[in-house]
Amino acid sequence: MSENRIEQIYDMVTQLIKIVGNTTVAIEELREGQQRLEKRQENLEKNQENIIIAIEELREGQQRLEKRQENLEKNQENILVAIEELREGQQRLEKRQENLEKRQENLEKNQERFKLEIFEKLDTLDNAVNYLAHKSLEHDMKIFGQKPKKVLRD
């Protein structure tokens, strides 16, 4: 063999050694990258589990809010019935007022007090319903990743 040929072979072996070294480094980098990806995947799976748990908790909370709203609606119906009963009682009292001048002032005072109490209860109930509706909206917006908007309440 000629010296040129030996030198060419030597250069080729040197290049092959470099290629093998670079390949080894690249393989190691790929392994490290794969480990990082596997770790990321584990974290994503844990996050997914946490999200699933949070969604279930939110659903349970929503069900509780819906039950509360149903109760508030029933209470509102009861209050409306009570208002109607009070109105009927007021009519009976007005008929008696014609014969009972002395009791007239006391009955009117009681009537006003009952009205104020009922309106206060209606206001309280209305505020509670508005509050629940607002919280439910915020809750739904959080579930779907939307930013809650400021809602002006009366």
C-alpha atoms as a PDB file:
ATOM      1  CA  MET A   1       0.000   0.000   0.000  1.00  0.00           C
ATOM      2  CA  SER A   2       1.102   3.378  -0.737  1.00  0.00           C
ATOM      3  CA  GLU A   3       1.651   5.975   1.901  1.00  0.00           C
ATOM      4  CA  ASN A   4      -1.127   8.144   0.410  1.00  0.00           C
ATOM      5  CA  ARG A   5      -3.540   5.295   0.718  1.00  0.00           C
ATOM      6  CA  ILE A   6      -2.552   4.692   4.349  1.00  0.00           C
ATOM      7  CA  GLU A   7      -2.966   8.380   5.082  1.00  0.00           C
ATOM      8  CA  GLN A   8      -6.424   8.353   3.448  1.00  0.00           C
ATOM      9  CA  ILE A   9      -7.425   5.332   5.532  1.00  0.00           C
ATOM     10  CA  TYR A  10      -6.051   7.021   8.650  1.00  0.00           C
ATOM     11  CA  ASP A  11      -8.069  10.176   7.837  1.00  0.00           C
ATOM     12  CA  MET A  12     -11.178   8.088   7.220  1.00  0.00           C
ATOM     13  CA  VAL A  13     -10.711   6.226  10.539  1.00  0.00           C
ATOM     14  CA  THR A  14     -10.218   9.576  12.289  1.00  0.00           C
ATOM     15  CA  GLN A  15     -13.398  10.909  10.705  1.00  0.00           C
ATOM     16  CA  LEU A  16     -15.241   7.712  11.658  1.00  0.00           C
ATOM     17  CA  ILE A  17     -14.053   8.102  15.266  1.00  0.00           C
ATOM     18  CA  LYS A  18     -15.321  11.700  15.262  1.00  0.00           C
ATOM     19  CA  ILE A  19     -18.625  10.587  13.737  1.00  0.00           C
ATOM     20  CA  VAL A  20     -18.975   7.839  16.372  1.00  0.00           C
ATOM     21  CA  GLY A  21     -18.172  10.375  19.119  1.00  0.00           C
ATOM     22  CA  ASN A  22     -20.696  12.864  17.742  1.00  0.00           C
ATOM     23  CA  THR A  23     -23.251  10.081  17.358  1.00  0.00           C
ATOM     24  CA  THR A  24     -22.692   9.001  20.965  1.00  0.00           C
ATOM     25  CA  VAL A  25     -23.151  12.580  22.186  1.00  0.00           C
ATOM     26  CA  ALA A  26     -26.266  12.960  20.033  1.00  0.00           C
ATOM     27  CA  ILE A  27     -27.667   9.671  21.369  1.00  0.00           C
ATOM     28  CA  GLU A  28     -27.032  10.815  24.938  1.00  0.00           C
ATOM     29  CA  GLU A  29     -28.729  14.149  24.243  1.00  0.00           C
ATOM     30  CA  LEU A  30     -31.689  12.295  22.738  1.00  0.00           C
ATOM     31  CA  ARG A  31     -31.904  10.060  25.822  1.00  0.00           C
ATOM     32  CA  GLU A  32     -31.828  13.094  28.102  1.00  0.00           C
ATOM     33  CA  GLY A  33     -34.461  14.772  25.955  1.00  0.00           C
ATOM     34  CA  GLN A  34     -36.587  11.638  26.102  1.00  0.00           C
ATOM     35  CA  GLN A  35     -36.249  11.565  29.907  1.00  0.00           C
ATOM     36  CA  ARG A  36     -37.303  15.208  30.083  1.00  0.00           C
ATOM     37  CA  LEU A  37     -40.278  14.482  27.826  1.00  0.00           C
ATOM     38  CA  GLU A  38     -41.248  11.480  29.940  1.00  0.00           C
ATOM     39  CA  LYS A  39     -41.035  13.591  33.088  1.00  0.00           C
ATOM     40  CA  ARG A  40     -43.113  16.306  31.408  1.00  0.00           C
ATOM     41  CA  GLN A  41     -45.665  13.714  30.393  1.00  0.00           C
ATOM     42  CA  GLU A  42     -45.868  12.476  34.002  1.00  0.00           C
ATOM     43  CA  ASN A  43     -46.407  16.053  35.183  1.00  0.00           C
ATOM     44  CA  LEU A  44     -49.079  16.595  32.551  1.00  0.00           C
ATOM     45  CA  GLU A  45     -50.835  13.394  33.601  1.00  0.00           C
ATOM     46  CA  LYS A  46     -50.751  14.524  37.248  1.00  0.00           C
ATOM     47  CA  ASN A  47     -52.087  17.930  36.225  1.00  0.00           C
ATOM     48  CA  GLN A  48     -54.810  16.248  34.207  1.00  0.00           C
ATOM     49  CA  GLU A  49     -55.804  14.180  37.242  1.00  0.00           C
ATOM     50  CA  ASN A  50     -55.909  17.331  39.370  1.00  0.00           C
ATOM     51  CA  ILE A  51     -58.018  19.085  36.748  1.00  0.00           C
ATOM     52  CA  ILE A  52     -60.435  16.154  36.622  1.00  0.00           C
ATOM     53  CA  ILE A  53     -60.758  16.267  40.411  1.00  0.00           C
ATOM     54  CA  ALA A  54     -61.280  20.044  40.320  1.00  0.00           C
ATOM     55  CA  ILE A  55     -63.942  19.702  37.630  1.00  0.00           C
ATOM     56  CA  GLU A  56     -65.772  17.124  39.731  1.00  0.00           C
ATOM     57  CA  GLU A  57     -65.593  19.406  42.759  1.00  0.00           C
ATOM     58  CA  LEU A  58     -66.942  22.272  40.663  1.00  0.00           C
ATOM     59  CA  ARG A  59     -69.782  20.109  39.421  1.00  0.00           C
ATOM     60  CA  GLU A  60     -70.660  19.157  42.978  1.00  0.00           C
ATOM     61  CA  GLY A  61     -70.534  22.822  43.961  1.00  0.00           C
ATOM     62  CA  GLN A  62     -72.762  23.705  41.050  1.00  0.00           C
ATOM     63  CA  GLN A  63     -75.269  21.044  42.112  1.00  0.00           C
ATOM     64  CA  ARG A  64     -75.293  22.475  45.643  1.00  0.00           C
ATOM     65  CA  LEU A  65     -75.856  25.962  44.236  1.00  0.00           C
ATOM     66  CA  GLU A  66     -78.696  24.701  42.078  1.00  0.00           C
ATOM     67  CA  LYS A  67     -80.337  23.094  45.122  1.00  0.00           C
ATOM     68  CA  ARG A  68     -79.930  26.325  47.058  1.00  0.00           C
ATOM     69  CA  GLN A  69     -81.467  28.247  44.194  1.00  0.00           C
ATOM     70  CA  GLU A  70     -84.419  25.838  44.150  1.00  0.00           C
ATOM     71  CA  ASN A  71     -84.881  26.389  47.870  1.00  0.00           C
ATOM     72  CA  LEU A  72     -84.738  30.138  47.392  1.00  0.00           C
ATOM     73  CA  GLU A  73     -87.340  29.918  44.658  1.00  0.00           C
ATOM     74  CA  LYS A  74     -89.596  27.850  46.936  1.00  0.00           C
ATOM     75  CA  ASN A  75     -89.116  30.397  49.708  1.00  0.00           C
ATOM     76  CA  GLN A  76     -89.968  33.159  47.285  1.00  0.00           C
ATOM     77  CA  GLU A  77     -93.169  31.339  46.349  1.00  0.00           C
ATOM     78  CA  ASN A  78     -94.036  30.974  50.027  1.00  0.00           C
ATOM     79  CA  ILE A  79     -93.449  34.665  50.554  1.00  0.00           C
ATOM     80  CA  LEU A  80     -95.707  35.504  47.609  1.00  0.00           C
ATOM     81  CA  VAL A  81     -98.424  33.300  49.113  1.00  0.00           C
ATOM     82  CA  ALA A  82     -97.908  35.043  52.445  1.00  0.00           C
ATOM     83  CA  ILE A  83     -98.202  38.404  50.696  1.00  0.00           C
ATOM     84  CA  GLU A  84    -101.466  37.325  49.115  1.00  0.00           C
ATOM     85  CA  GLU A  85    -102.737  36.137  52.489  1.00  0.00           C
ATOM     86  CA  LEU A  86    -101.757  39.456  54.020  1.00  0.00           C
ATOM     87  CA  ARG A  87    -103.598  41.319  51.290  1.00  0.00           C
ATOM     88  CA  GLU A  88    -106.720  39.274  51.933  1.00  0.00           C
ATOM     89  CA  GLY A  89    -106.399  39.985  55.645  1.00  0.00           C
ATOM     90  CA  GLN A  90    -105.994  43.662  54.871  1.00  0.00           C
ATOM     91  CA  GLN A  91    -109.282  43.651  52.976  1.00  0.00           C
ATOM     92  CA  ARG A  92    -111.072  42.096  55.959  1.00  0.00           C
ATOM     93  CA  LEU A  93    -109.551  44.690  58.226  1.00  0.00           C
ATOM     94  CA  GLU A  94    -110.681  47.487  55.954  1.00  0.00           C
ATOM     95  CA  LYS A  95    -114.280  46.237  56.268  1.00  0.00           C
ATOM     96  CA  ARG A  96    -113.995  46.248  60.042  1.00  0.00           C
ATOM     97  CA  GLN A  97    -112.469  49.714  60.017  1.00  0.00           C
ATOM     98  CA  GLU A  98    -115.808  51.230  59.091  1.00  0.00           C
ATOM     99  CA  ASN A  99    -117.225  50.099  62.478  1.00  0.00           C
ATOM    100  CA  LEU A 100    -114.068  50.421  64.607  1.00  0.00           C
ATOM    101  CA  GLU A 101    -112.702  54.003  64.444  1.00  0.00           C
ATOM    102  CA  LYS A 102    -110.688  53.560  67.608  1.00  0.00           C
ATOM    103  CA  ARG A 103    -108.743  50.514  66.269  1.00  0.00           C
ATOM    104  CA  GLN A 104    -108.221  52.028  62.828  1.00  0.00           C
ATOM    105  CA  GLU A 105    -104.890  53.737  63.640  1.00  0.00           C
ATOM    106  CA  ASN A 106    -103.410  50.621  65.220  1.00  0.00           C
ATOM    107  CA  LEU A 107    -104.412  48.421  62.269  1.00  0.00           C
ATOM    108  CA  GLU A 108    -102.868  50.843  59.752  1.00  0.00           C
ATOM    109  CA  LYS A 109     -99.593  50.909  61.725  1.00  0.00           C
ATOM    110  CA  ASN A 110     -99.466  47.098  61.814  1.00  0.00           C
ATOM    111  CA  GLN A 111    -100.255  46.920  58.118  1.00  0.00           C
ATOM    112  CA  GLU A 112     -97.341  49.232  57.263  1.00  0.00           C
ATOM    113  CA  ARG A 113     -94.971  47.283  59.473  1.00  0.00           C
ATOM    114  CA  PHE A 114     -95.947  43.995  57.805  1.00  0.00           C
ATOM    115  CA  LYS A 115     -95.437  45.512  54.373  1.00  0.00           C
ATOM    116  CA  LEU A 116     -91.972  46.771  55.299  1.00  0.00           C
ATOM    117  CA  GLU A 117     -90.978  43.396  56.699  1.00  0.00           C
ATOM    118  CA  ILE A 118     -92.168  41.603  53.590  1.00  0.00           C
ATOM    119  CA  PHE A 119     -90.404  44.041  51.292  1.00  0.00           C
ATOM    120  CA  GLU A 120     -87.240  43.664  53.363  1.00  0.00           C
ATOM    121  CA  LYS A 121     -87.515  39.884  53.046  1.00  0.00           C
ATOM    122  CA  LEU A 122     -88.095  40.228  49.302  1.00  0.00           C
ATOM    123  CA  ASP A 123     -85.074  42.515  49.010  1.00  0.00           C
ATOM    124  CA  THR A 124     -82.976  40.041  50.982  1.00  0.00           C
ATOM    125  CA  LEU A 125     -84.171  37.164  48.831  1.00  0.00           C
ATOM    126  CA  ASP A 126     -83.589  39.165  45.648  1.00  0.00           C
ATOM    127  CA  ASN A 127     -80.064  40.025  46.777  1.00  0.00           C
ATOM    128  CA  ALA A 128     -79.384  36.365  47.588  1.00  0.00           C
ATOM    129  CA  VAL A 129     -80.647  35.231  44.176  1.00  0.00           C
ATOM    130  CA  ASN A 130     -78.539  37.904  42.443  1.00  0.00           C
ATOM    131  CA  TYR A 131     -75.505  36.875  44.481  1.00  0.00           C
ATOM    132  CA  LEU A 132     -75.959  33.200  43.614  1.00  0.00           C
ATOM    133  CA  ALA A 133     -76.471  34.021  39.946  1.00  0.00           C
ATOM    134  CA  HIS A 134     -73.306  36.138  39.960  1.00  0.00           C
ATOM    135  CA  LYS A 135     -71.267  33.422  41.688  1.00  0.00           C
ATOM    136  CA  SER A 136     -72.623  30.786  39.329  1.00  0.00           C
ATOM    137  CA  LEU A 137     -71.625  32.951  36.353  1.00  0.00           C
ATOM    138  CA  GLU A 138     -68.131  33.453  37.773  1.00  0.00           C
ATOM    139  CA  HIS A 139     -67.901  29.724  38.420  1.00  0.00           C
ATOM    140  CA  ASP A 140     -68.952  28.847  34.859  1.00  0.00           C
ATOM    141  CA  MET A 141     -66.545  31.390  33.397  1.00  0.00           C
ATOM    142  CA  LYS A 142     -63.680  29.915  35.424  1.00  0.00           C
ATOM    143  CA  ILE A 143     -64.545  26.441  34.189  1.00  0.00           C
ATOM    144  CA  PHE A 144     -64.359  27.575  30.574  1.00  0.00           C
ATOM    145  CA  GLY A 145     -61.238  29.665  31.136  1.00  0.00           C
ATOM    146  CA  GLN A 146     -62.859  33.041  30.651  1.00  0.00           C
ATOM    147  CA  LYS A 147     -62.045  36.021  32.782  1.00  0.00           C
ATOM    148  CA  PRO A 148     -64.976  37.087  34.957  1.00  0.00           C
ATOM    149  CA  LYS A 149     -66.436  40.429  34.001  1.00  0.00           C
ATOM    150  CA  LYS A 150     -67.503  42.969  36.561  1.00  0.00           C
ATOM    151  CA  VAL A 151     -71.251  42.895  36.875  1.00  0.00           C
ATOM    152  CA  LEU A 152     -72.980  45.876  38.391  1.00  0.00           C
ATOM    153  CA  ARG A 153     -75.659  44.839  40.836  1.00  0.00           C
ATOM    154  CA  ASP A 154     -78.506  46.998  42.033  1.00  0.00           C
END
